[in-house]
Amino acid sequence: MTKIVLPWPLAPILLPITEWLPKYNLKEMGPSDLTAGLTVFVFLVPQGMAYSLLAGMPPIYGLYSSIVPLFIYAVLGTSQQLSIGPMAITSLLLGVTAQSYGFEEESADYINIVINLSL
């Protein structure tokens, strides 16, 4: 097997996908990874929408918060067994904290507060 030489020596450290993607065997691992990805997606869609409603946010923000981190972690992450996504306690704490400012749920100011708190 030939060694893959990357043009930038720090690439595997800063972008772990550059290390494992060239070695990925699509025929061997693709079907099981696709099944796992679809399973996670099917669970995350309603879960993300429900957690956004717990926080007093429109459901579309729950979809963003459950799907976007998965793509970011695929490029930047290093653990194969890490669970990423929204959590009920985080959604409840964000909702209670944002409500204490007195804005109506799902208003532009409320959404802005929740987004800033979650950063």
PDB file of N, CA and C in Angstrom:
ATOM      1  N   MET A   1       0.840  -1.171   0.000  1.00  0.00           N
ATOM      2  CA  MET A   1       0.000   0.000   0.000  1.00  0.00           C
ATOM      3  C   MET A   1       0.890   1.242   0.000  1.00  0.00           C
ATOM      4  N   THR A   2       0.553   2.175  -0.825  1.00  0.00           N
ATOM      5  CA  THR A   2       1.359   3.386  -0.909  1.00  0.00           C
ATOM      6  C   THR A   2       0.922   4.386   0.143  1.00  0.00           C
ATOM      7  N   LYS A   3       1.889   5.141   0.616  1.00  0.00           N
ATOM      8  CA  LYS A   3       1.599   6.166   1.625  1.00  0.00           C
ATOM      9  C   LYS A   3       1.077   7.415   0.928  1.00  0.00           C
ATOM     10  N   ILE A   4       0.013   7.960   1.453  1.00  0.00           N
ATOM     11  CA  ILE A   4      -0.585   9.168   0.896  1.00  0.00           C
ATOM     12  C   ILE A   4       0.138  10.374   1.477  1.00  0.00           C
ATOM     13  N   VAL A   5       0.662  11.217   0.602  1.00  0.00           N
ATOM     14  CA  VAL A   5       1.373  12.412   1.037  1.00  0.00           C
ATOM     15  C   VAL A   5       0.455  13.615   0.844  1.00  0.00           C
ATOM     16  N   LEU A   6       0.208  14.309   1.944  1.00  0.00           N
ATOM     17  CA  LEU A   6      -0.636  15.498   1.881  1.00  0.00           C
ATOM     18  C   LEU A   6       0.225  16.722   1.615  1.00  0.00           C
ATOM     19  N   PRO A   7      -0.284  17.675   0.842  1.00  0.00           N
ATOM     20  CA  PRO A   7       0.515  18.851   0.520  1.00  0.00           C
ATOM     21  C   PRO A   7       0.779  19.750   1.720  1.00  0.00           C
ATOM     22  N   TRP A   8      -0.003  19.618   2.755  1.00  0.00           N
ATOM     23  CA  TRP A   8       0.138  20.458   3.932  1.00  0.00           C
ATOM     24  C   TRP A   8       0.303  19.543   5.143  1.00  0.00           C
ATOM     25  N   PRO A   9       1.438  19.559   5.828  1.00  0.00           N
ATOM     26  CA  PRO A   9       1.700  18.582   6.895  1.00  0.00           C
ATOM     27  C   PRO A   9       0.775  18.698   8.112  1.00  0.00           C
ATOM     28  N   LEU A  10       0.182  19.857   8.354  1.00  0.00           N
ATOM     29  CA  LEU A  10      -0.711  20.005   9.505  1.00  0.00           C
ATOM     30  C   LEU A  10      -2.161  19.638   9.192  1.00  0.00           C
ATOM     31  N   ALA A  11      -2.433  19.264   7.960  1.00  0.00           N
ATOM     32  CA  ALA A  11      -3.809  18.959   7.561  1.00  0.00           C
ATOM     33  C   ALA A  11      -4.464  17.883   8.426  1.00  0.00           C
ATOM     34  N   PRO A  12      -3.802  16.756   8.724  1.00  0.00           N
ATOM     35  CA  PRO A  12      -4.478  15.736   9.550  1.00  0.00           C
ATOM     36  C   PRO A  12      -4.788  16.207  10.970  1.00  0.00           C
ATOM     37  N   ILE A  13      -4.042  17.161  11.466  1.00  0.00           N
ATOM     38  CA  ILE A  13      -4.276  17.659  12.819  1.00  0.00           C
ATOM     39  C   ILE A  13      -5.446  18.654  12.827  1.00  0.00           C
ATOM     40  N   LEU A  14      -5.439  19.569  11.874  1.00  0.00           N
ATOM     41  CA  LEU A  14      -6.468  20.605  11.843  1.00  0.00           C
ATOM     42  C   LEU A  14      -7.750  20.156  11.139  1.00  0.00           C
ATOM     43  N   LEU A  15      -7.628  19.295  10.165  1.00  0.00           N
ATOM     44  CA  LEU A  15      -8.782  18.758   9.427  1.00  0.00           C
ATOM     45  C   LEU A  15      -8.661  17.231   9.376  1.00  0.00           C
ATOM     46  N   PRO A  16      -9.137  16.534  10.404  1.00  0.00           N
ATOM     47  CA  PRO A  16      -8.982  15.079  10.462  1.00  0.00           C
ATOM     48  C   PRO A  16      -9.569  14.335   9.264  1.00  0.00           C
ATOM     49  N   ILE A  17     -10.518  14.932   8.566  1.00  0.00           N
ATOM     50  CA  ILE A  17     -11.105  14.267   7.403  1.00  0.00           C
ATOM     51  C   ILE A  17     -10.057  14.008   6.323  1.00  0.00           C
ATOM     52  N   THR A  18      -9.016  14.833   6.272  1.00  0.00           N
ATOM     53  CA  THR A  18      -7.962  14.636   5.266  1.00  0.00           C
ATOM     54  C   THR A  18      -7.145  13.383   5.537  1.00  0.00           C
ATOM     55  N   GLU A  19      -7.216  12.869   6.752  1.00  0.00           N
ATOM     56  CA  GLU A  19      -6.496  11.643   7.078  1.00  0.00           C
ATOM     57  C   GLU A  19      -7.311  10.392   6.762  1.00  0.00           C
ATOM     58  N   TRP A  20      -8.601  10.388   7.120  1.00  0.00           N
ATOM     59  CA  TRP A  20      -9.367   9.158   6.950  1.00  0.00           C
ATOM     60  C   TRP A  20     -10.098   9.059   5.618  1.00  0.00           C
ATOM     61  N   LEU A  21     -10.431  10.185   4.980  1.00  0.00           N
ATOM     62  CA  LEU A  21     -11.186  10.127   3.734  1.00  0.00           C
ATOM     63  C   LEU A  21     -10.433   9.425   2.597  1.00  0.00           C
ATOM     64  N   PRO A  22      -9.134   9.672   2.411  1.00  0.00           N
ATOM     65  CA  PRO A  22      -8.435   8.943   1.342  1.00  0.00           C
ATOM     66  C   PRO A  22      -8.386   7.424   1.570  1.00  0.00           C
ATOM     67  N   LYS A  23      -8.502   6.990   2.825  1.00  0.00           N
ATOM     68  CA  LYS A  23      -8.444   5.559   3.159  1.00  0.00           C
ATOM     69  C   LYS A  23      -9.831   4.910   3.196  1.00  0.00           C
ATOM     70  N   TYR A  24     -10.881   5.707   3.028  1.00  0.00           N
ATOM     71  CA  TYR A  24     -12.251   5.218   3.170  1.00  0.00           C
ATOM     72  C   TYR A  24     -12.598   4.283   2.015  1.00  0.00           C
ATOM     73  N   ASN A  25     -13.079   3.083   2.345  1.00  0.00           N
ATOM     74  CA  ASN A  25     -13.483   2.095   1.351  1.00  0.00           C
ATOM     75  C   ASN A  25     -15.002   2.181   1.194  1.00  0.00           C
ATOM     76  N   LEU A  26     -15.438   2.821   0.112  1.00  0.00           N
ATOM     77  CA  LEU A  26     -16.867   3.073  -0.093  1.00  0.00           C
ATOM     78  C   LEU A  26     -17.663   1.783  -0.259  1.00  0.00           C
ATOM     79  N   LYS A  27     -17.125   0.813  -0.959  1.00  0.00           N
ATOM     80  CA  LYS A  27     -17.861  -0.441  -1.178  1.00  0.00           C
ATOM     81  C   LYS A  27     -18.021  -1.240   0.100  1.00  0.00           C
ATOM     82  N   GLU A  28     -17.000  -1.208   0.965  1.00  0.00           N
ATOM     83  CA  GLU A  28     -17.043  -2.002   2.186  1.00  0.00           C
ATOM     84  C   GLU A  28     -17.831  -1.308   3.298  1.00  0.00           C
ATOM     85  N   MET A  29     -17.584  -0.023   3.515  1.00  0.00           N
ATOM     86  CA  MET A  29     -18.193   0.679   4.643  1.00  0.00           C
ATOM     87  C   MET A  29     -19.379   1.561   4.252  1.00  0.00           C
ATOM     88  N   GLY A  30     -19.547   1.868   2.996  1.00  0.00           N
ATOM     89  CA  GLY A  30     -20.589   2.773   2.536  1.00  0.00           C
ATOM     90  C   GLY A  30     -22.002   2.373   2.902  1.00  0.00           C
ATOM     91  N   PRO A  31     -22.428   1.135   2.604  1.00  0.00           N
ATOM     92  CA  PRO A  31     -23.815   0.753   2.930  1.00  0.00           C
ATOM     93  C   PRO A  31     -24.147   0.833   4.420  1.00  0.00           C
ATOM     94  N   SER A  32     -23.228   0.380   5.268  1.00  0.00           N
ATOM     95  CA  SER A  32     -23.517   0.439   6.708  1.00  0.00           C
ATOM     96  C   SER A  32     -23.474   1.876   7.217  1.00  0.00           C
ATOM     97  N   ASP A  33     -22.574   2.695   6.684  1.00  0.00           N
ATOM     98  CA  ASP A  33     -22.531   4.098   7.087  1.00  0.00           C
ATOM     99  C   ASP A  33     -23.775   4.839   6.609  1.00  0.00           C
ATOM    100  N   LEU A  34     -24.266   4.516   5.431  1.00  0.00           N
ATOM    101  CA  LEU A  34     -25.489   5.135   4.917  1.00  0.00           C
ATOM    102  C   LEU A  34     -26.690   4.760   5.785  1.00  0.00           C
ATOM    103  N   THR A  35     -26.780   3.502   6.175  1.00  0.00           N
ATOM    104  CA  THR A  35     -27.864   3.043   7.048  1.00  0.00           C
ATOM    105  C   THR A  35     -27.796   3.745   8.403  1.00  0.00           C
ATOM    106  N   ALA A  36     -26.604   3.842   8.958  1.00  0.00           N
ATOM    107  CA  ALA A  36     -26.449   4.529  10.248  1.00  0.00           C
ATOM    108  C   ALA A  36     -26.793   6.004  10.120  1.00  0.00           C
ATOM    109  N   GLY A  37     -26.365   6.639   9.048  1.00  0.00           N
ATOM    110  CA  GLY A  37     -26.665   8.053   8.841  1.00  0.00           C
ATOM    111  C   GLY A  37     -28.145   8.312   8.684  1.00  0.00           C
ATOM    112  N   LEU A  38     -28.834   7.468   7.934  1.00  0.00           N
ATOM    113  CA  LEU A  38     -30.278   7.633   7.763  1.00  0.00           C
ATOM    114  C   LEU A  38     -31.030   7.399   9.069  1.00  0.00           C
ATOM    115  N   THR A  39     -30.567   6.441   9.860  1.00  0.00           N
ATOM    116  CA  THR A  39     -31.195   6.169  11.152  1.00  0.00           C
ATOM    117  C   THR A  39     -31.051   7.376  12.081  1.00  0.00           C
ATOM    118  N   VAL A  40     -29.857   7.918  12.153  1.00  0.00           N
ATOM    119  CA  VAL A  40     -29.632   9.098  12.991  1.00  0.00           C
ATOM    120  C   VAL A  40     -30.476  10.264  12.493  1.00  0.00           C
ATOM    121  N   PHE A  41     -30.544  10.443  11.176  1.00  0.00           N
ATOM    122  CA  PHE A  41     -31.326  11.534  10.594  1.00  0.00           C
ATOM    123  C   PHE A  41     -32.809  11.405  10.944  1.00  0.00           C
ATOM    124  N   VAL A  42     -33.338  10.191  10.856  1.00  0.00           N
ATOM    125  CA  VAL A  42     -34.759   9.956  11.154  1.00  0.00           C
ATOM    126  C   VAL A  42     -35.073  10.280  12.615  1.00  0.00           C
ATOM    127  N   PHE A  43     -34.151  10.001  13.505  1.00  0.00           N
ATOM    128  CA  PHE A  43     -34.375  10.313  14.913  1.00  0.00           C
ATOM    129  C   PHE A  43     -34.147  11.789  15.218  1.00  0.00           C
ATOM    130  N   LEU A  44     -33.178  12.403  14.563  1.00  0.00           N
ATOM    131  CA  LEU A  44     -32.831  13.780  14.877  1.00  0.00           C
ATOM    132  C   LEU A  44     -33.841  14.806  14.377  1.00  0.00           C
ATOM    133  N   VAL A  45     -34.548  14.527  13.297  1.00  0.00           N
ATOM    134  CA  VAL A  45     -35.501  15.511  12.767  1.00  0.00           C
ATOM    135  C   VAL A  45     -36.601  15.814  13.780  1.00  0.00           C
ATOM    136  N   PRO A  46     -37.368  14.834  14.252  1.00  0.00           N
ATOM    137  CA  PRO A  46     -38.405  15.173  15.247  1.00  0.00           C
ATOM    138  C   PRO A  46     -37.819  15.602  16.592  1.00  0.00           C
ATOM    139  N   GLN A  47     -36.697  15.022  16.972  1.00  0.00           N
ATOM    140  CA  GLN A  47     -36.070  15.383  18.241  1.00  0.00           C
ATOM    141  C   GLN A  47     -35.607  16.836  18.214  1.00  0.00           C
ATOM    142  N   GLY A  48     -34.966  17.246  17.155  1.00  0.00           N
ATOM    143  CA  GLY A  48     -34.509  18.632  17.041  1.00  0.00           C
ATOM    144  C   GLY A  48     -35.656  19.615  17.027  1.00  0.00           C
ATOM    145  N   MET A  49     -36.726  19.269  16.323  1.00  0.00           N
ATOM    146  CA  MET A  49     -37.898  20.153  16.281  1.00  0.00           C
ATOM    147  C   MET A  49     -38.537  20.265  17.671  1.00  0.00           C
ATOM    148  N   ALA A  50     -38.626  19.166  18.379  1.00  0.00           N
ATOM    149  CA  ALA A  50     -39.224  19.188  19.720  1.00  0.00           C
ATOM    150  C   ALA A  50     -38.362  19.992  20.691  1.00  0.00           C
ATOM    151  N   TYR A  51     -37.057  19.839  20.618  1.00  0.00           N
ATOM    152  CA  TYR A  51     -36.175  20.577  21.518  1.00  0.00           C
ATOM    153  C   TYR A  51     -36.203  22.069  21.216  1.00  0.00           C
ATOM    154  N   SER A  52     -36.390  22.449  19.952  1.00  0.00           N
ATOM    155  CA  SER A  52     -36.485  23.881  19.649  1.00  0.00           C
ATOM    156  C   SER A  52     -37.777  24.455  20.235  1.00  0.00           C
ATOM    157  N   LEU A  53     -38.841  23.681  20.229  1.00  0.00           N
ATOM    158  CA  LEU A  53     -40.091  24.139  20.837  1.00  0.00           C
ATOM    159  C   LEU A  53     -39.956  24.260  22.352  1.00  0.00           C
ATOM    160  N   LEU A  54     -39.151  23.369  22.979  1.00  0.00           N
ATOM    161  CA  LEU A  54     -38.882  23.492  24.410  1.00  0.00           C
ATOM    162  C   LEU A  54     -38.178  24.803  24.727  1.00  0.00           C
ATOM    163  N   ALA A  55     -37.317  25.240  23.815  1.00  0.00           N
ATOM    164  CA  ALA A  55     -36.572  26.484  24.017  1.00  0.00           C
ATOM    165  C   ALA A  55     -37.380  27.705  23.578  1.00  0.00           C
ATOM    166  N   GLY A  56     -38.582  27.489  23.036  1.00  0.00           N
ATOM    167  CA  GLY A  56     -39.402  28.599  22.590  1.00  0.00           C
ATOM    168  C   GLY A  56     -39.003  29.141  21.225  1.00  0.00           C
ATOM    169  N   MET A  57     -38.342  28.328  20.441  1.00  0.00           N
ATOM    170  CA  MET A  57     -37.853  28.740  19.121  1.00  0.00           C
ATOM    171  C   MET A  57     -38.707  28.097  18.029  1.00  0.00           C
ATOM    172  N   PRO A  58     -38.705  28.667  16.829  1.00  0.00           N
ATOM    173  CA  PRO A  58     -39.379  28.012  15.705  1.00  0.00           C
ATOM    174  C   PRO A  58     -38.716  26.665  15.396  1.00  0.00           C
ATOM    175  N   PRO A  59     -39.472  25.675  14.936  1.00  0.00           N
ATOM    176  CA  PRO A  59     -38.923  24.336  14.696  1.00  0.00           C
ATOM    177  C   PRO A  59     -37.753  24.285  13.714  1.00  0.00           C
ATOM    178  N   ILE A  60     -37.658  25.222  12.788  1.00  0.00           N
ATOM    179  CA  ILE A  60     -36.560  25.178  11.818  1.00  0.00           C
ATOM    180  C   ILE A  60     -35.202  25.314  12.514  1.00  0.00           C
ATOM    181  N   TYR A  61     -35.151  26.052  13.605  1.00  0.00           N
ATOM    182  CA  TYR A  61     -33.894  26.188  14.341  1.00  0.00           C
ATOM    183  C   TYR A  61     -33.478  24.864  14.978  1.00  0.00           C
ATOM    184  N   GLY A  62     -34.451  24.051  15.335  1.00  0.00           N
ATOM    185  CA  GLY A  62     -34.138  22.719  15.848  1.00  0.00           C
ATOM    186  C   GLY A  62     -33.516  21.841  14.785  1.00  0.00           C
ATOM    187  N   LEU A  63     -33.981  21.990  13.548  1.00  0.00           N
ATOM    188  CA  LEU A  63     -33.371  21.238  12.452  1.00  0.00           C
ATOM    189  C   LEU A  63     -31.938  21.690  12.222  1.00  0.00           C
ATOM    190  N   TYR A  64     -31.727  23.001  12.259  1.00  0.00           N
ATOM    191  CA  TYR A  64     -30.360  23.513  12.106  1.00  0.00           C
ATOM    192  C   TYR A  64     -29.452  22.979  13.211  1.00  0.00           C
ATOM    193  N   SER A  65     -29.941  23.024  14.439  1.00  0.00           N
ATOM    194  CA  SER A  65     -29.097  22.637  15.573  1.00  0.00           C
ATOM    195  C   SER A  65     -28.848  21.138  15.647  1.00  0.00           C
ATOM    196  N   SER A  66     -29.628  20.342  14.952  1.00  0.00           N
ATOM    197  CA  SER A  66     -29.401  18.902  14.994  1.00  0.00           C
ATOM    198  C   SER A  66     -28.643  18.383  13.780  1.00  0.00           C
ATOM    199  N   ILE A  67     -28.733  19.057  12.643  1.00  0.00           N
ATOM    200  CA  ILE A  67     -28.111  18.546  11.424  1.00  0.00           C
ATOM    201  C   ILE A  67     -26.762  19.202  11.133  1.00  0.00           C
ATOM    202  N   VAL A  68     -26.669  20.508  11.280  1.00  0.00           N
ATOM    203  CA  VAL A  68     -25.435  21.221  10.947  1.00  0.00           C
ATOM    204  C   VAL A  68     -24.239  20.736  11.772  1.00  0.00           C
ATOM    205  N   PRO A  69     -24.372  20.529  13.098  1.00  0.00           N
ATOM    206  CA  PRO A  69     -23.208  20.047  13.851  1.00  0.00           C
ATOM    207  C   PRO A  69     -22.662  18.699  13.364  1.00  0.00           C
ATOM    208  N   LEU A  70     -23.531  17.858  12.828  1.00  0.00           N
ATOM    209  CA  LEU A  70     -23.051  16.565  12.322  1.00  0.00           C
ATOM    210  C   LEU A  70     -22.108  16.747  11.147  1.00  0.00           C
ATOM    211  N   PHE A  71     -22.443  17.665  10.246  1.00  0.00           N
ATOM    212  CA  PHE A  71     -21.572  17.909   9.098  1.00  0.00           C
ATOM    213  C   PHE A  71     -20.262  18.566   9.526  1.00  0.00           C
ATOM    214  N   ILE A  72     -20.336  19.481  10.462  1.00  0.00           N
ATOM    215  CA  ILE A  72     -19.117  20.138  10.955  1.00  0.00           C
ATOM    216  C   ILE A  72     -18.225  19.108  11.640  1.00  0.00           C
ATOM    217  N   TYR A  73     -18.822  18.240  12.456  1.00  0.00           N
ATOM    218  CA  TYR A  73     -18.015  17.245  13.163  1.00  0.00           C
ATOM    219  C   TYR A  73     -17.429  16.208  12.209  1.00  0.00           C
ATOM    220  N   ALA A  74     -18.103  15.932  11.112  1.00  0.00           N
ATOM    221  CA  ALA A  74     -17.551  14.982  10.137  1.00  0.00           C
ATOM    222  C   ALA A  74     -16.224  15.486   9.578  1.00  0.00           C
ATOM    223  N   VAL A  75     -16.089  16.791   9.442  1.00  0.00           N
ATOM    224  CA  VAL A  75     -14.864  17.378   8.900  1.00  0.00           C
ATOM    225  C   VAL A  75     -13.829  17.610   9.989  1.00  0.00           C
ATOM    226  N   LEU A  76     -14.248  18.074  11.159  1.00  0.00           N
ATOM    227  CA  LEU A  76     -13.309  18.499  12.194  1.00  0.00           C
ATOM    228  C   LEU A  76     -13.141  17.521  13.355  1.00  0.00           C
ATOM    229  N   GLY A  77     -14.030  16.541  13.482  1.00  0.00           N
ATOM    230  CA  GLY A  77     -14.016  15.662  14.645  1.00  0.00           C
ATOM    231  C   GLY A  77     -13.004  14.540  14.557  1.00  0.00           C
ATOM    232  N   THR A  78     -12.664  14.003  15.730  1.00  0.00           N
ATOM    233  CA  THR A  78     -11.687  12.914  15.786  1.00  0.00           C
ATOM    234  C   THR A  78     -12.208  11.647  16.451  1.00  0.00           C
ATOM    235  N   SER A  79     -13.328  11.707  17.159  1.00  0.00           N
ATOM    236  CA  SER A  79     -13.854  10.534  17.843  1.00  0.00           C
ATOM    237  C   SER A  79     -14.881   9.822  16.966  1.00  0.00           C
ATOM    238  N   GLN A  80     -14.835   8.496  16.967  1.00  0.00           N
ATOM    239  CA  GLN A  80     -15.805   7.724  16.196  1.00  0.00           C
ATOM    240  C   GLN A  80     -17.065   7.432  16.996  1.00  0.00           C
ATOM    241  N   GLN A  81     -17.035   7.613  18.301  1.00  0.00           N
ATOM    242  CA  GLN A  81     -18.163   7.247  19.141  1.00  0.00           C
ATOM    243  C   GLN A  81     -18.792   8.431  19.865  1.00  0.00           C
ATOM    244  N   LEU A  82     -18.649   9.629  19.370  1.00  0.00           N
ATOM    245  CA  LEU A  82     -19.177  10.803  20.044  1.00  0.00           C
ATOM    246  C   LEU A  82     -20.597  11.096  19.587  1.00  0.00           C
ATOM    247  N   SER A  83     -21.449  11.433  20.534  1.00  0.00           N
ATOM    248  CA  SER A  83     -22.831  11.794  20.215  1.00  0.00           C
ATOM    249  C   SER A  83     -22.958  13.311  20.216  1.00  0.00           C
ATOM    250  N   ILE A  84     -23.460  13.844  19.111  1.00  0.00           N
ATOM    251  CA  ILE A  84     -23.590  15.294  18.965  1.00  0.00           C
ATOM    252  C   ILE A  84     -25.035  15.629  18.626  1.00  0.00           C
ATOM    253  N   GLY A  85     -25.529  16.696  19.191  1.00  0.00           N
ATOM    254  CA  GLY A  85     -26.874  17.147  18.868  1.00  0.00           C
ATOM    255  C   GLY A  85     -27.494  17.890  20.019  1.00  0.00           C
ATOM    256  N   PRO A  86     -28.721  18.325  19.835  1.00  0.00           N
ATOM    257  CA  PRO A  86     -29.401  19.072  20.894  1.00  0.00           C
ATOM    258  C   PRO A  86     -29.764  18.159  22.058  1.00  0.00           C
ATOM    259  N   MET A  87     -29.860  18.753  23.245  1.00  0.00           N
ATOM    260  CA  MET A  87     -30.225  17.998  24.435  1.00  0.00           C
ATOM    261  C   MET A  87     -31.388  18.701  25.127  1.00  0.00           C
ATOM    262  N   ALA A  88     -32.218  17.931  25.789  1.00  0.00           N
ATOM    263  CA  ALA A  88     -33.418  18.484  26.425  1.00  0.00           C
ATOM    264  C   ALA A  88     -33.066  19.503  27.501  1.00  0.00           C
ATOM    265  N   ILE A  89     -32.096  19.203  28.339  1.00  0.00           N
ATOM    266  CA  ILE A  89     -31.779  20.113  29.441  1.00  0.00           C
ATOM    267  C   ILE A  89     -31.230  21.436  28.912  1.00  0.00           C
ATOM    268  N   THR A  90     -30.445  21.385  27.855  1.00  0.00           N
ATOM    269  CA  THR A  90     -29.923  22.615  27.258  1.00  0.00           C
ATOM    270  C   THR A  90     -31.056  23.448  26.689  1.00  0.00           C
ATOM    271  N   SER A  91     -31.992  22.801  26.027  1.00  0.00           N
ATOM    272  CA  SER A  91     -33.136  23.519  25.455  1.00  0.00           C
ATOM    273  C   SER A  91     -33.990  24.155  26.543  1.00  0.00           C
ATOM    274  N   LEU A  92     -34.224  23.427  27.619  1.00  0.00           N
ATOM    275  CA  LEU A  92     -35.025  23.977  28.719  1.00  0.00           C
ATOM    276  C   LEU A  92     -34.320  25.156  29.381  1.00  0.00           C
ATOM    277  N   LEU A  93     -33.022  25.020  29.622  1.00  0.00           N
ATOM    278  CA  LEU A  93     -32.282  26.117  30.259  1.00  0.00           C
ATOM    279  C   LEU A  93     -32.245  27.352  29.373  1.00  0.00           C
ATOM    280  N   LEU A  94     -32.045  27.158  28.079  1.00  0.00           N
ATOM    281  CA  LEU A  94     -32.056  28.295  27.158  1.00  0.00           C
ATOM    282  C   LEU A  94     -33.422  28.972  27.145  1.00  0.00           C
ATOM    283  N   GLY A  95     -34.468  28.167  27.097  1.00  0.00           N
ATOM    284  CA  GLY A  95     -35.820  28.730  27.073  1.00  0.00           C
ATOM    285  C   GLY A  95     -36.156  29.512  28.327  1.00  0.00           C
ATOM    286  N   VAL A  96     -35.842  28.962  29.484  1.00  0.00           N
ATOM    287  CA  VAL A  96     -36.139  29.639  30.752  1.00  0.00           C
ATOM    288  C   VAL A  96     -35.326  30.926  30.882  1.00  0.00           C
ATOM    289  N   THR A  97     -34.059  30.861  30.512  1.00  0.00           N
ATOM    290  CA  THR A  97     -33.209  32.046  30.608  1.00  0.00           C
ATOM    291  C   THR A  97     -33.676  33.144  29.655  1.00  0.00           C
ATOM    292  N   ALA A  98     -33.989  32.769  28.425  1.00  0.00           N
ATOM    293  CA  ALA A  98     -34.426  33.762  27.444  1.00  0.00           C
ATOM    294  C   ALA A  98     -35.787  34.357  27.815  1.00  0.00           C
ATOM    295  N   GLN A  99     -36.653  33.552  28.405  1.00  0.00           N
ATOM    296  CA  GLN A  99     -37.970  34.061  28.806  1.00  0.00           C
ATOM    297  C   GLN A  99     -37.860  35.091  29.925  1.00  0.00           C
ATOM    298  N   SER A 100     -36.812  34.997  30.717  1.00  0.00           N
ATOM    299  CA  SER A 100     -36.649  35.950  31.815  1.00  0.00           C
ATOM    300  C   SER A 100     -36.392  37.370  31.313  1.00  0.00           C
ATOM    301  N   TYR A 101     -36.033  37.533  30.045  1.00  0.00           N
ATOM    302  CA  TYR A 101     -35.834  38.867  29.474  1.00  0.00           C
ATOM    303  C   TYR A 101     -37.157  39.513  29.058  1.00  0.00           C
ATOM    304  N   GLY A 102     -38.247  38.762  29.049  1.00  0.00           N
ATOM    305  CA  GLY A 102     -39.568  39.320  28.815  1.00  0.00           C
ATOM    306  C   GLY A 102     -40.016  39.423  27.366  1.00  0.00           C
ATOM    307  N   PHE A 103     -39.260  38.873  26.443  1.00  0.00           N
ATOM    308  CA  PHE A 103     -39.680  38.918  25.041  1.00  0.00           C
ATOM    309  C   PHE A 103     -40.626  37.770  24.738  1.00  0.00           C
ATOM    310  N   GLU A 104     -41.489  37.970  23.771  1.00  0.00           N
ATOM    311  CA  GLU A 104     -42.428  36.935  23.358  1.00  0.00           C
ATOM    312  C   GLU A 104     -41.669  35.825  22.623  1.00  0.00           C
ATOM    313  N   GLU A 105     -42.037  34.573  22.915  1.00  0.00           N
ATOM    314  CA  GLU A 105     -41.382  33.441  22.250  1.00  0.00           C
ATOM    315  C   GLU A 105     -41.525  33.549  20.741  1.00  0.00           C
ATOM    316  N   GLU A 106     -40.497  33.155  20.046  1.00  0.00           N
ATOM    317  CA  GLU A 106     -40.394  33.144  18.590  1.00  0.00           C
ATOM    318  C   GLU A 106     -40.344  34.547  17.980  1.00  0.00           C
ATOM    319  N   SER A 107     -40.237  35.588  18.801  1.00  0.00           N
ATOM    320  CA  SER A 107     -40.046  36.934  18.249  1.00  0.00           C
ATOM    321  C   SER A 107     -38.584  37.097  17.842  1.00  0.00           C
ATOM    322  N   ALA A 108     -38.300  38.116  17.049  1.00  0.00           N
ATOM    323  CA  ALA A 108     -36.931  38.329  16.564  1.00  0.00           C
ATOM    324  C   ALA A 108     -35.962  38.582  17.719  1.00  0.00           C
ATOM    325  N   ASP A 109     -36.372  39.356  18.719  1.00  0.00           N
ATOM    326  CA  ASP A 109     -35.501  39.624  19.867  1.00  0.00           C
ATOM    327  C   ASP A 109     -35.254  38.357  20.682  1.00  0.00           C
ATOM    328  N   TYR A 110     -36.290  37.565  20.854  1.00  0.00           N
ATOM    329  CA  TYR A 110     -36.171  36.311  21.606  1.00  0.00           C
ATOM    330  C   TYR A 110     -35.199  35.361  20.889  1.00  0.00           C
ATOM    331  N   ILE A 111     -35.357  35.234  19.589  1.00  0.00           N
ATOM    332  CA  ILE A 111     -34.478  34.359  18.800  1.00  0.00           C
ATOM    333  C   ILE A 111     -33.041  34.849  18.893  1.00  0.00           C
ATOM    334  N   ASN A 112     -32.844  36.155  18.826  1.00  0.00           N
ATOM    335  CA  ASN A 112     -31.505  36.728  18.928  1.00  0.00           C
ATOM    336  C   ASN A 112     -30.873  36.416  20.287  1.00  0.00           C
ATOM    337  N   ILE A 113     -31.645  36.517  21.362  1.00  0.00           N
ATOM    338  CA  ILE A 113     -31.133  36.210  22.705  1.00  0.00           C
ATOM    339  C   ILE A 113     -30.744  34.733  22.798  1.00  0.00           C
ATOM    340  N   VAL A 114     -31.609  33.849  22.319  1.00  0.00           N
ATOM    341  CA  VAL A 114     -31.317  32.413  22.407  1.00  0.00           C
ATOM    342  C   VAL A 114     -30.061  32.060  21.602  1.00  0.00           C
ATOM    343  N   ILE A 115     -29.934  32.622  20.414  1.00  0.00           N
ATOM    344  CA  ILE A 115     -28.747  32.345  19.597  1.00  0.00           C
ATOM    345  C   ILE A 115     -27.492  32.839  20.296  1.00  0.00           C
ATOM    346  N   ASN A 116     -27.537  34.037  20.862  1.00  0.00           N
ATOM    347  CA  ASN A 116     -26.365  34.567  21.563  1.00  0.00           C
ATOM    348  C   ASN A 116     -26.044  33.770  22.821  1.00  0.00           C
ATOM    349  N   LEU A 117     -27.067  33.316  23.532  1.00  0.00           N
ATOM    350  CA  LEU A 117     -26.824  32.496  24.727  1.00  0.00           C
ATOM    351  C   LEU A 117     -26.206  31.149  24.363  1.00  0.00           C
ATOM    352  N   SER A 118     -26.580  30.609  23.239  1.00  0.00           N
ATOM    353  CA  SER A 118     -26.094  29.279  22.874  1.00  0.00           C
ATOM    354  C   SER A 118     -24.676  29.302  22.314  1.00  0.00           C
ATOM    355  N   LEU A 119     -24.174  30.470  21.982  1.00  0.00           N
ATOM    356  CA  LEU A 119     -22.791  30.553  21.502  1.00  0.00           C
ATOM    357  C   LEU A 119     -21.870  30.420  22.664  1.00  0.00           C
TER     358      LEU A 119
END
